[in-house]
Amino acid sequence: MTTMKTRKNVPWKHWKQQKPSVHQKTLMLKRCGKKCFLGSKKSFPICKKNTCTISKKGVYAAYIRARQYRTKGRKYQSIATRAKRMIRKL
């Protein structure tokens, strides 16, 4: 009898529930500034919604997404590098 292996959870699990919506991103940019975003303007948010606290899940999600997009341009490579540096610090 073989047993099923349980899949290990990824570090960015439940980021979907914590990430800010489009309107919340606009408010966050006004209140918190650029520290809550790794990309330009309102792209790659890393803070939890309605707060200015940086979320480890958000940084992981930004890192994974930037790695997926990096073939499209150099800016995604720099976002991935910044996110990786932040992951080590958190």
N, C-alpha and C. Protein backbone atom coordinates (compact mmCIF):
# COMPACT_ATOMS: atom_id res chain seq x y z
N MET A 1 0.83 -1.17 0.00
CA MET A 1 0.00 0.00 0.00
C MET A 1 0.89 1.26 0.00
N THR A 2 0.65 2.12 -0.98
CA THR A 2 1.43 3.36 -1.05
C THR A 2 0.63 4.51 -0.45
N THR A 3 1.34 5.37 0.19
CA THR A 3 0.68 6.53 0.79
C THR A 3 0.89 7.75 -0.10
N MET A 4 -0.10 8.60 -0.12
CA MET A 4 -0.01 9.83 -0.91
C MET A 4 0.85 10.85 -0.14
N LYS A 5 1.72 11.50 -0.85
CA LYS A 5 2.52 12.55 -0.23
C LYS A 5 1.71 13.84 -0.23
N THR A 6 1.80 14.56 0.87
CA THR A 6 1.11 15.85 0.90
C THR A 6 2.04 16.91 0.32
N ARG A 7 1.45 17.80 -0.44
CA ARG A 7 2.22 18.83 -1.11
C ARG A 7 2.60 19.92 -0.11
N LYS A 8 3.85 20.32 -0.15
CA LYS A 8 4.33 21.37 0.75
C LYS A 8 3.76 22.72 0.31
N ASN A 9 3.31 23.52 1.27
CA ASN A 9 2.75 24.82 0.95
C ASN A 9 3.85 25.78 0.48
N VAL A 10 3.49 26.62 -0.48
CA VAL A 10 4.44 27.61 -0.97
C VAL A 10 4.43 28.83 -0.03
N PRO A 11 5.53 29.55 0.06
CA PRO A 11 5.61 30.67 1.01
C PRO A 11 4.63 31.81 0.72
N TRP A 12 4.15 31.93 -0.53
CA TRP A 12 3.24 33.02 -0.88
C TRP A 12 1.78 32.60 -0.84
N LYS A 13 1.49 31.48 -0.18
CA LYS A 13 0.11 31.00 -0.07
C LYS A 13 -0.75 32.04 0.67
N HIS A 14 -1.96 32.25 0.21
CA HIS A 14 -2.95 33.19 0.75
C HIS A 14 -2.61 34.65 0.46
N TRP A 15 -1.65 34.94 -0.40
CA TRP A 15 -1.38 36.32 -0.77
C TRP A 15 -2.58 36.91 -1.52
N LYS A 16 -3.32 36.07 -2.22
CA LYS A 16 -4.49 36.54 -2.97
C LYS A 16 -5.49 37.24 -2.05
N GLN A 17 -5.67 36.75 -0.83
CA GLN A 17 -6.60 37.37 0.11
C GLN A 17 -6.01 38.63 0.75
N GLN A 18 -4.69 38.74 0.79
CA GLN A 18 -4.04 39.87 1.46
C GLN A 18 -3.68 41.01 0.51
N LYS A 19 -3.60 40.73 -0.79
CA LYS A 19 -3.13 41.75 -1.72
C LYS A 19 -4.15 42.87 -1.91
N PRO A 20 -3.67 44.07 -2.20
CA PRO A 20 -4.58 45.21 -2.36
C PRO A 20 -5.28 45.19 -3.72
N SER A 21 -6.52 45.70 -3.75
CA SER A 21 -7.25 45.82 -5.01
C SER A 21 -6.73 47.05 -5.76
N VAL A 22 -7.29 47.33 -6.92
CA VAL A 22 -6.82 48.45 -7.73
C VAL A 22 -7.01 49.78 -6.99
N HIS A 23 -8.17 50.00 -6.40
CA HIS A 23 -8.42 51.24 -5.66
C HIS A 23 -7.53 51.32 -4.42
N GLN A 24 -7.34 50.20 -3.75
CA GLN A 24 -6.49 50.18 -2.55
C GLN A 24 -5.03 50.48 -2.91
N LYS A 25 -4.60 50.07 -4.11
CA LYS A 25 -3.24 50.38 -4.56
C LYS A 25 -3.06 51.88 -4.71
N THR A 26 -4.08 52.55 -5.25
CA THR A 26 -4.02 54.01 -5.42
C THR A 26 -3.91 54.70 -4.07
N LEU A 27 -4.74 54.28 -3.12
CA LEU A 27 -4.69 54.86 -1.77
C LEU A 27 -3.35 54.56 -1.09
N MET A 28 -2.87 53.34 -1.29
CA MET A 28 -1.61 52.92 -0.67
C MET A 28 -0.44 53.74 -1.20
N LEU A 29 -0.46 54.04 -2.50
CA LEU A 29 0.62 54.83 -3.08
C LEU A 29 0.63 56.24 -2.49
N LYS A 30 -0.56 56.81 -2.24
CA LYS A 30 -0.64 58.14 -1.64
C LYS A 30 -0.22 58.12 -0.17
N ARG A 31 -0.68 57.12 0.58
CA ARG A 31 -0.41 57.06 2.03
C ARG A 31 1.00 56.59 2.35
N CYS A 32 1.40 55.49 1.73
CA CYS A 32 2.66 54.82 2.10
C CYS A 32 3.83 55.18 1.20
N GLY A 33 3.57 55.57 -0.02
CA GLY A 33 4.64 55.91 -0.94
C GLY A 33 5.15 54.70 -1.71
N LYS A 34 6.37 54.85 -2.25
CA LYS A 34 6.93 53.83 -3.12
C LYS A 34 7.41 52.58 -2.39
N LYS A 35 7.50 52.64 -1.07
CA LYS A 35 8.05 51.49 -0.32
C LYS A 35 7.17 50.25 -0.44
N CYS A 36 5.90 50.43 -0.79
CA CYS A 36 4.96 49.30 -0.88
C CYS A 36 4.90 48.68 -2.27
N PHE A 37 5.72 49.18 -3.20
CA PHE A 37 5.70 48.67 -4.57
C PHE A 37 7.13 48.44 -5.05
N LEU A 38 7.35 47.32 -5.71
CA LEU A 38 8.68 47.05 -6.26
C LEU A 38 8.79 47.56 -7.69
N GLY A 39 7.67 47.58 -8.41
CA GLY A 39 7.67 48.05 -9.79
C GLY A 39 7.41 49.54 -9.87
N SER A 40 7.27 50.02 -11.10
CA SER A 40 6.97 51.43 -11.29
C SER A 40 5.49 51.67 -11.03
N LYS A 41 5.19 52.83 -10.51
CA LYS A 41 3.83 53.25 -10.17
C LYS A 41 3.17 52.24 -9.23
N LYS A 42 2.11 51.54 -9.71
CA LYS A 42 1.36 50.66 -8.80
C LYS A 42 1.57 49.18 -9.10
N SER A 43 2.68 48.82 -9.73
CA SER A 43 2.91 47.41 -10.06
C SER A 43 3.74 46.71 -8.99
N PHE A 44 3.57 45.45 -8.85
CA PHE A 44 4.25 44.59 -7.89
C PHE A 44 4.09 45.08 -6.45
N PRO A 45 2.85 45.11 -5.93
CA PRO A 45 2.64 45.52 -4.54
C PRO A 45 3.19 44.48 -3.57
N ILE A 46 3.76 44.94 -2.46
CA ILE A 46 4.32 44.00 -1.48
C ILE A 46 3.76 44.23 -0.08
N CYS A 47 2.91 45.26 0.09
CA CYS A 47 2.29 45.52 1.39
C CYS A 47 0.89 44.91 1.45
N LYS A 48 0.46 44.57 2.66
CA LYS A 48 -0.90 44.07 2.84
C LYS A 48 -1.90 45.18 2.58
N LYS A 49 -3.12 44.80 2.19
CA LYS A 49 -4.13 45.82 1.88
C LYS A 49 -4.51 46.60 3.14
N ASN A 50 -4.79 47.87 2.94
CA ASN A 50 -5.18 48.82 3.99
C ASN A 50 -4.11 49.05 5.06
N THR A 51 -2.88 48.65 4.79
CA THR A 51 -1.79 48.89 5.74
C THR A 51 -0.55 49.35 4.98
N CYS A 52 0.46 49.73 5.71
CA CYS A 52 1.74 50.09 5.10
C CYS A 52 2.83 49.10 5.53
N THR A 53 2.42 47.92 6.01
CA THR A 53 3.39 46.92 6.46
C THR A 53 3.74 45.98 5.32
N ILE A 54 5.03 45.78 5.12
CA ILE A 54 5.50 44.90 4.06
C ILE A 54 5.25 43.45 4.46
N SER A 55 4.65 42.70 3.54
CA SER A 55 4.31 41.30 3.79
C SER A 55 5.34 40.40 3.12
N LYS A 56 5.79 39.39 3.84
CA LYS A 56 6.74 38.43 3.28
C LYS A 56 6.11 37.68 2.12
N LYS A 57 4.82 37.39 2.24
CA LYS A 57 4.09 36.71 1.17
C LYS A 57 4.05 37.58 -0.09
N GLY A 58 3.88 38.89 0.10
CA GLY A 58 3.87 39.81 -1.03
C GLY A 58 5.20 39.88 -1.74
N VAL A 59 6.27 39.86 -0.97
CA VAL A 59 7.62 39.90 -1.55
C VAL A 59 7.89 38.61 -2.33
N TYR A 60 7.50 37.47 -1.76
CA TYR A 60 7.65 36.19 -2.47
C TYR A 60 6.85 36.19 -3.76
N ALA A 61 5.60 36.67 -3.71
CA ALA A 61 4.75 36.69 -4.89
C ALA A 61 5.34 37.59 -5.98
N ALA A 62 5.88 38.74 -5.58
CA ALA A 62 6.52 39.65 -6.54
C ALA A 62 7.75 39.01 -7.16
N TYR A 63 8.51 38.29 -6.35
CA TYR A 63 9.71 37.61 -6.85
C TYR A 63 9.35 36.56 -7.89
N ILE A 64 8.34 35.73 -7.58
CA ILE A 64 7.93 34.67 -8.50
C ILE A 64 7.40 35.26 -9.80
N ARG A 65 6.58 36.31 -9.69
CA ARG A 65 6.00 36.93 -10.88
C ARG A 65 7.07 37.60 -11.74
N ALA A 66 8.02 38.26 -11.12
CA ALA A 66 9.10 38.91 -11.86
C ALA A 66 9.97 37.87 -12.57
N ARG A 67 10.18 36.74 -11.93
CA ARG A 67 10.96 35.66 -12.57
C ARG A 67 10.23 35.11 -13.79
N GLN A 68 8.89 35.05 -13.71
CA GLN A 68 8.11 34.56 -14.85
C GLN A 68 8.15 35.55 -16.01
N TYR A 69 8.19 36.85 -15.71
CA TYR A 69 8.15 37.89 -16.74
C TYR A 69 9.53 38.30 -17.25
N ARG A 70 10.60 37.84 -16.66
CA ARG A 70 11.91 38.43 -16.93
C ARG A 70 12.39 38.27 -18.37
N THR A 71 11.83 37.34 -19.15
CA THR A 71 12.24 37.23 -20.54
C THR A 71 11.72 38.41 -21.37
N LYS A 72 10.71 39.12 -20.84
CA LYS A 72 10.11 40.24 -21.57
C LYS A 72 10.90 41.54 -21.42
N GLY A 73 11.74 41.64 -20.43
CA GLY A 73 12.49 42.88 -20.27
C GLY A 73 13.42 42.88 -19.09
N ARG A 74 14.35 43.81 -19.12
CA ARG A 74 15.38 43.91 -18.08
C ARG A 74 14.82 44.39 -16.75
N LYS A 75 13.75 45.20 -16.79
CA LYS A 75 13.21 45.75 -15.55
C LYS A 75 12.70 44.65 -14.62
N TYR A 76 12.19 43.56 -15.21
CA TYR A 76 11.69 42.47 -14.38
C TYR A 76 12.84 41.75 -13.67
N GLN A 77 13.99 41.71 -14.33
CA GLN A 77 15.17 41.11 -13.70
C GLN A 77 15.59 41.92 -12.47
N SER A 78 15.52 43.24 -12.58
CA SER A 78 15.90 44.07 -11.43
C SER A 78 14.88 43.96 -10.30
N ILE A 79 13.60 43.81 -10.65
CA ILE A 79 12.56 43.62 -9.63
C ILE A 79 12.79 42.30 -8.90
N ALA A 80 13.12 41.25 -9.66
CA ALA A 80 13.39 39.94 -9.05
C ALA A 80 14.60 40.01 -8.13
N THR A 81 15.62 40.74 -8.53
CA THR A 81 16.82 40.88 -7.70
C THR A 81 16.51 41.62 -6.40
N ARG A 82 15.74 42.71 -6.50
CA ARG A 82 15.37 43.46 -5.30
C ARG A 82 14.52 42.62 -4.36
N ALA A 83 13.58 41.85 -4.93
CA ALA A 83 12.71 41.01 -4.11
C ALA A 83 13.53 39.93 -3.41
N LYS A 84 14.48 39.35 -4.11
CA LYS A 84 15.32 38.30 -3.52
C LYS A 84 16.13 38.86 -2.35
N ARG A 85 16.64 40.07 -2.51
CA ARG A 85 17.39 40.73 -1.43
C ARG A 85 16.49 40.98 -0.22
N MET A 86 15.25 41.38 -0.48
CA MET A 86 14.30 41.65 0.60
C MET A 86 13.90 40.38 1.33
N ILE A 87 13.76 39.28 0.59
CA ILE A 87 13.40 37.99 1.20
C ILE A 87 14.45 37.58 2.22
N ARG A 88 15.73 37.79 1.86
CA ARG A 88 16.81 37.44 2.78
C ARG A 88 16.75 38.27 4.05
N LYS A 89 16.34 39.55 3.94
CA LYS A 89 16.29 40.44 5.10
C LYS A 89 15.10 40.14 6.00
N LEU A 90 13.96 39.74 5.41
CA LEU A 90 12.75 39.51 6.21
C LEU A 90 12.86 38.26 7.05
